[in-house]
Amino acid sequence: MAPGAVRLFLPEFKMGRDKNRLKRIREGMLITKSELARKAGVSPLTIDRIEKGYTCRVDTKRKIIQALGFKLSDKDMIFGKAH
């Protein structure tokens, strides 16, 4: 790492991979990360991070749920239970 560079490490923002089902659901619907990102109005990087287990804002979850065609009440099925 370059001198003066800041390394960002936020493990508290990562949730267990087994609690996040977004990737499985997206792939089951035959939707690419880019396509879901476009439909939800977020970046493909955001989708990638969420699928890797990182948390996101409630508003981002809402956009993704609606882009997938689910009801907002299905959030726990997609993102897992909040602690």
C-alpha atoms as a PDB file:
ATOM      1  CA  MET A   1       0.000   0.000   0.000  1.00  0.00           C
ATOM      2  CA  ALA A   2       1.295   3.467  -0.870  1.00  0.00           C
ATOM      3  CA  PRO A   3       2.502   5.727   1.952  1.00  0.00           C
ATOM      4  CA  GLY A   4      -0.296   7.931   3.192  1.00  0.00           C
ATOM      5  CA  ALA A   5      -2.979   5.694   1.683  1.00  0.00           C
ATOM      6  CA  VAL A   6      -5.931   4.884   3.868  1.00  0.00           C
ATOM      7  CA  ARG A   7      -7.103   1.302   4.026  1.00  0.00           C
ATOM      8  CA  LEU A   8     -10.828   1.003   4.541  1.00  0.00           C
ATOM      9  CA  PHE A   9     -11.831  -2.107   6.427  1.00  0.00           C
ATOM     10  CA  LEU A  10     -15.370  -2.282   7.743  1.00  0.00           C
ATOM     11  CA  PRO A  11     -16.089  -5.829   8.917  1.00  0.00           C
ATOM     12  CA  GLU A  12     -19.078  -4.688  10.952  1.00  0.00           C
ATOM     13  CA  PHE A  13     -20.882  -3.865   7.730  1.00  0.00           C
ATOM     14  CA  LYS A  14     -20.602  -7.404   6.435  1.00  0.00           C
ATOM     15  CA  MET A  15     -23.269  -9.960   7.149  1.00  0.00           C
ATOM     16  CA  GLY A  16     -23.005 -13.709   6.775  1.00  0.00           C
ATOM     17  CA  ARG A  17     -23.063 -14.981   3.224  1.00  0.00           C
ATOM     18  CA  ASP A  18     -25.705 -17.575   4.098  1.00  0.00           C
ATOM     19  CA  LYS A  19     -28.205 -14.881   5.093  1.00  0.00           C
ATOM     20  CA  ASN A  20     -28.219 -13.165   1.707  1.00  0.00           C
ATOM     21  CA  ARG A  21     -30.147 -14.917  -1.051  1.00  0.00           C
ATOM     22  CA  LEU A  22     -30.085 -12.152  -3.647  1.00  0.00           C
ATOM     23  CA  LYS A  23     -27.586 -13.868  -5.958  1.00  0.00           C
ATOM     24  CA  ARG A  24     -29.484 -17.163  -5.935  1.00  0.00           C
ATOM     25  CA  ILE A  25     -32.786 -15.379  -6.632  1.00  0.00           C
ATOM     26  CA  ARG A  26     -31.306 -13.184  -9.364  1.00  0.00           C
ATOM     27  CA  GLU A  27     -29.647 -16.099 -11.122  1.00  0.00           C
ATOM     28  CA  GLY A  28     -32.809 -18.173 -10.814  1.00  0.00           C
ATOM     29  CA  MET A  29     -34.650 -15.416 -12.648  1.00  0.00           C
ATOM     30  CA  LEU A  30     -31.891 -15.372 -15.317  1.00  0.00           C
ATOM     31  CA  ILE A  31     -31.101 -11.700 -14.657  1.00  0.00           C
ATOM     32  CA  THR A  32     -27.550 -10.346 -14.852  1.00  0.00           C
ATOM     33  CA  LYS A  33     -26.108  -8.067 -12.181  1.00  0.00           C
ATOM     34  CA  SER A  34     -26.056  -5.232 -14.698  1.00  0.00           C
ATOM     35  CA  GLU A  35     -29.670  -5.763 -15.680  1.00  0.00           C
ATOM     36  CA  LEU A  36     -30.840  -5.820 -12.065  1.00  0.00           C
ATOM     37  CA  ALA A  37     -28.765  -2.735 -11.301  1.00  0.00           C
ATOM     38  CA  ARG A  38     -30.313  -0.869 -14.232  1.00  0.00           C
ATOM     39  CA  LYS A  39     -33.852  -1.862 -13.260  1.00  0.00           C
ATOM     40  CA  ALA A  40     -33.249  -0.914  -9.617  1.00  0.00           C
ATOM     41  CA  GLY A  41     -31.446   2.341 -10.394  1.00  0.00           C
ATOM     42  CA  VAL A  42     -28.267   1.360  -8.545  1.00  0.00           C
ATOM     43  CA  SER A  43     -24.752   0.509  -9.708  1.00  0.00           C
ATOM     44  CA  PRO A  44     -23.649  -3.017 -10.640  1.00  0.00           C
ATOM     45  CA  LEU A  45     -20.966  -2.628  -7.960  1.00  0.00           C
ATOM     46  CA  THR A  46     -23.721  -2.155  -5.375  1.00  0.00           C
ATOM     47  CA  ILE A  47     -25.387  -5.400  -6.481  1.00  0.00           C
ATOM     48  CA  ASP A  48     -22.028  -7.181  -6.336  1.00  0.00           C
ATOM     49  CA  ARG A  49     -21.331  -5.948  -2.808  1.00  0.00           C
ATOM     50  CA  ILE A  50     -24.770  -6.934  -1.553  1.00  0.00           C
ATOM     51  CA  GLU A  51     -24.410 -10.399  -3.068  1.00  0.00           C
ATOM     52  CA  LYS A  52     -21.069 -10.757  -1.263  1.00  0.00           C
ATOM     53  CA  GLY A  53     -22.836 -10.121   2.020  1.00  0.00           C
ATOM     54  CA  TYR A  54     -22.351  -6.408   2.626  1.00  0.00           C
ATOM     55  CA  THR A  55     -25.284  -4.465   3.959  1.00  0.00           C
ATOM     56  CA  CYS A  56     -26.997  -1.620   2.165  1.00  0.00           C
ATOM     57  CA  ARG A  57     -29.495   1.122   2.835  1.00  0.00           C
ATOM     58  CA  VAL A  58     -33.165   0.340   3.270  1.00  0.00           C
ATOM     59  CA  ASP A  59     -33.943   2.451   0.208  1.00  0.00           C
ATOM     60  CA  THR A  60     -31.545   0.355  -1.880  1.00  0.00           C
ATOM     61  CA  LYS A  61     -33.216  -2.837  -0.648  1.00  0.00           C
ATOM     62  CA  ARG A  62     -36.605  -1.398  -1.579  1.00  0.00           C
ATOM     63  CA  LYS A  63     -35.414  -0.603  -5.115  1.00  0.00           C
ATOM     64  CA  ILE A  64     -33.982  -4.087  -5.590  1.00  0.00           C
ATOM     65  CA  ILE A  65     -37.083  -5.824  -4.229  1.00  0.00           C
ATOM     66  CA  GLN A  66     -39.321  -3.855  -6.572  1.00  0.00           C
ATOM     67  CA  ALA A  67     -36.983  -4.397  -9.547  1.00  0.00           C
ATOM     68  CA  LEU A  68     -37.210  -8.153  -8.959  1.00  0.00           C
ATOM     69  CA  GLY A  69     -41.008  -7.946  -8.906  1.00  0.00           C
ATOM     70  CA  PHE A  70     -41.408  -8.981  -5.266  1.00  0.00           C
ATOM     71  CA  LYS A  71     -43.520  -7.386  -2.553  1.00  0.00           C
ATOM     72  CA  LEU A  72     -41.761  -5.301   0.092  1.00  0.00           C
ATOM     73  CA  SER A  73     -42.921  -7.827   2.678  1.00  0.00           C
ATOM     74  CA  ASP A  74     -40.593 -10.371   0.989  1.00  0.00           C
ATOM     75  CA  LYS A  75     -37.479  -8.471   2.125  1.00  0.00           C
ATOM     76  CA  ASP A  76     -36.455 -11.063   4.715  1.00  0.00           C
ATOM     77  CA  MET A  77     -36.649 -13.819   2.096  1.00  0.00           C
ATOM     78  CA  ILE A  78     -34.199 -11.915  -0.116  1.00  0.00           C
ATOM     79  CA  PHE A  79     -31.900 -10.179   2.355  1.00  0.00           C
ATOM     80  CA  GLY A  80     -32.250 -12.324   5.478  1.00  0.00           C
ATOM     81  CA  LYS A  81     -33.515 -11.285   8.869  1.00  0.00           C
ATOM     82  CA  ALA A  82     -32.187  -8.054  10.345  1.00  0.00           C
ATOM     83  CA  HIS A  83     -30.489  -8.429  13.687  1.00  0.00           C
END
